[in-house]
Amino acid sequence: MHEFGIAYDIFETARKAASDNHATQVKKVCVDIGEMSMVNPEQVQFLFETLIEEDPILKGAVLESRVVAPETRCTCGYYGNEKFVCPSCGALPELVRGREIVVTHIEIEVDE
């Protein structure tokens, strides 16, 4: 179950950002999850919520996931979202987007 490792990495990324910026609270963590990453966003959500239960800075933080559709290109010039067969020439297109898992931004509170 690689979702645990992913949830843990998101948790650690948020903790580091909070620490680096002297945050008192993490409010939201936004993540892009590529459709072709073979990750279940609901499992990542559950595991993230479990990880933050005992952390005073992250407790109550919201994980907002956005599924990113795949984008492909082919040597023939095709660019689109066909994942397995290029509709122009029949070759296997190259996946240029849709496999990534990226923390896009983190909302924190800091004392002034």
Foldseek 3Di string as FASTA:
>chain_A
DCLLVVLVVQLVVQVVVCVVVVFQAWAEWEKEAFPPQPHDVVSSQVNNQVVCCPPRRYHNHHYHYDYDQWWWAAPVGDTGRDQQAPPVPGDGTDTPDRNDIDGPDIDTHHDD
